[in-house]
Protein backbone atom coordinates (compact mmCIF):
# COMPACT_ATOMS: atom_id res chain seq x y z
CA MET A 1 77.67 136.86 76.98
CA PHE A 2 80.25 139.41 75.85
CA ASN A 3 83.01 137.41 77.55
CA VAL A 4 82.01 134.27 75.63
CA THR A 5 82.23 136.23 72.38
CA ILE A 6 85.71 137.51 73.23
CA GLN A 7 86.88 134.02 74.18
CA GLY A 8 85.44 132.55 70.97
CA GLU A 9 87.14 135.19 68.84
CA ALA A 10 90.47 134.56 70.61
CA ALA A 11 90.12 130.81 70.02
CA MET A 12 89.43 131.37 66.30
CA GLN A 13 92.46 133.63 65.97
CA ARG A 14 94.68 131.04 67.68
CA GLU A 15 93.46 128.30 65.34
CA ASP A 16 93.88 130.51 62.27
CA ALA A 17 97.45 131.34 63.29
CA ALA A 18 98.23 127.64 63.81
CA GLN A 19 96.85 126.68 60.37
CA GLY A 20 98.62 129.36 58.35
CA LYS A 21 96.96 130.78 55.24
CA ASN A 22 93.28 129.88 54.97
CA PHE A 23 93.02 130.18 51.20
CA LEU A 24 95.05 128.62 48.43
CA ALA A 25 95.95 130.58 45.33
CA VAL A 26 93.50 130.15 42.45
CA THR A 27 95.39 128.63 39.55
CA LYS A 28 92.75 126.93 37.38
CA LEU A 29 89.25 127.74 36.17
CA THR A 30 86.97 124.86 37.12
CA THR A 31 84.44 124.08 34.39
CA GLY A 32 83.54 120.44 35.07
CA GLY A 33 81.18 118.71 37.47
CA PRO A 34 78.34 120.97 38.63
CA TYR A 35 80.14 123.96 37.07
CA GLN A 36 79.19 122.70 33.61
CA TYR A 37 75.52 123.47 34.39
CA THR A 38 75.79 126.67 36.44
CA ARG A 39 78.59 129.09 37.28
CA ASN A 40 77.39 129.19 40.90
CA PRO A 41 76.38 125.69 42.00
CA MET A 42 76.52 126.48 45.73
CA TYR A 43 74.28 129.55 45.35
CA ALA A 44 71.92 127.72 42.99
CA SER A 45 71.55 124.76 45.36
CA ALA A 46 70.97 127.14 48.29
CA LEU A 47 68.16 128.74 46.27
CA VAL A 48 66.56 125.34 45.65
CA LEU A 49 66.92 124.37 49.32
CA ASN A 50 65.42 127.68 50.47
CA LEU A 51 62.42 127.24 48.21
CA ALA A 52 62.00 123.60 49.25
CA THR A 53 62.06 124.65 52.90
CA ALA A 54 59.37 127.23 52.24
CA VAL A 55 57.23 124.65 50.40
CA LEU A 56 57.64 122.13 53.23
CA ALA A 57 56.75 124.81 55.77
CA ASP A 58 53.76 125.75 53.58
CA SER A 59 54.69 129.40 53.92
CA LEU A 60 54.51 132.01 51.17
CA TRP A 61 56.00 134.52 53.62
CA MET A 62 59.06 132.32 54.07
CA ALA A 63 59.43 131.91 50.32
CA ALA A 64 59.17 135.65 49.81
CA ALA A 65 61.68 136.38 52.57
CA MET A 66 64.15 133.80 51.28
CA MET A 67 64.07 135.29 47.79
CA GLY A 68 66.04 138.24 49.15
CA VAL A 69 69.16 136.08 49.38
CA PRO A 70 69.49 135.22 45.65
CA LEU A 71 68.53 138.78 44.71
CA TYR A 72 71.35 140.08 46.90
CA LEU A 73 73.80 137.49 45.56
CA ASN A 74 72.87 138.30 41.97
CA ALA A 75 73.13 142.06 42.47
CA PHE A 76 76.28 142.32 44.58
CA VAL A 77 78.24 139.11 45.22
CA THR A 78 78.35 137.30 41.88
CA PRO A 79 79.29 140.39 39.82
CA ALA A 80 82.28 140.96 42.12
CA GLU A 81 83.29 137.29 41.97
CA GLU A 82 82.94 137.22 38.19
CA ALA A 83 85.01 140.40 37.82
CA LEU A 84 87.80 138.70 39.77
CA LEU A 85 87.53 135.55 37.63
CA LYS A 86 87.66 137.67 34.47
CA LYS A 87 90.77 139.40 35.80
CA LEU A 88 92.41 136.06 36.68
CA PHE A 89 91.43 134.01 33.62
CA GLY A 90 90.52 136.58 30.93
CA LYS A 91 89.29 135.04 27.68
CA ALA A 92 88.90 131.56 29.22
CA PHE A 93 86.34 132.91 31.69
CA ASP A 94 84.56 134.91 28.97
CA GLU A 95 84.19 131.76 26.85
CA TYR A 96 82.96 129.78 29.85
CA ALA A 97 80.47 132.50 30.88
CA ALA A 98 79.11 132.67 27.31
CA VAL A 99 78.15 128.98 27.44
CA VAL A 100 77.25 128.30 31.11
CA PRO A 101 74.47 130.31 32.79
CA ARG A 102 75.04 132.17 36.06
CA TRP A 103 72.16 130.28 37.65
CA PHE A 104 70.21 127.51 35.92
CA PHE A 105 68.76 129.69 33.19
C-alpha cells in the first residue's frame, strides 16, 4: 500500500512539473453569474448538496455531521480568502461584500 502511495505521489509531481504553474494570477474580481447571489457559490452549493444527501438518506445524524463542513469553512477558510481578496482588490471587494452575502443570507 505504501509503495502505491509513493508511486502516485511521484506521478503527480511529474505531471505538475510538465504542466508548469498550476494557478494563474488573479487579475479581476468576479461579480457576475453565481457570484452576484453569493460570494462563495461552490461552498454554498456543497452545503445544499450535503443537506440534500442527508434528506435522501433520511438521516439526521448525517445532516448533523455534514454541518461541520460549512461551520469550518465559515470560521477558518472564507475569512482567509476574503482577507486576500481585500488585499488584492481593496475598495472594490468591500463594495461587493457590502451588497452580496457570504452565503445565501
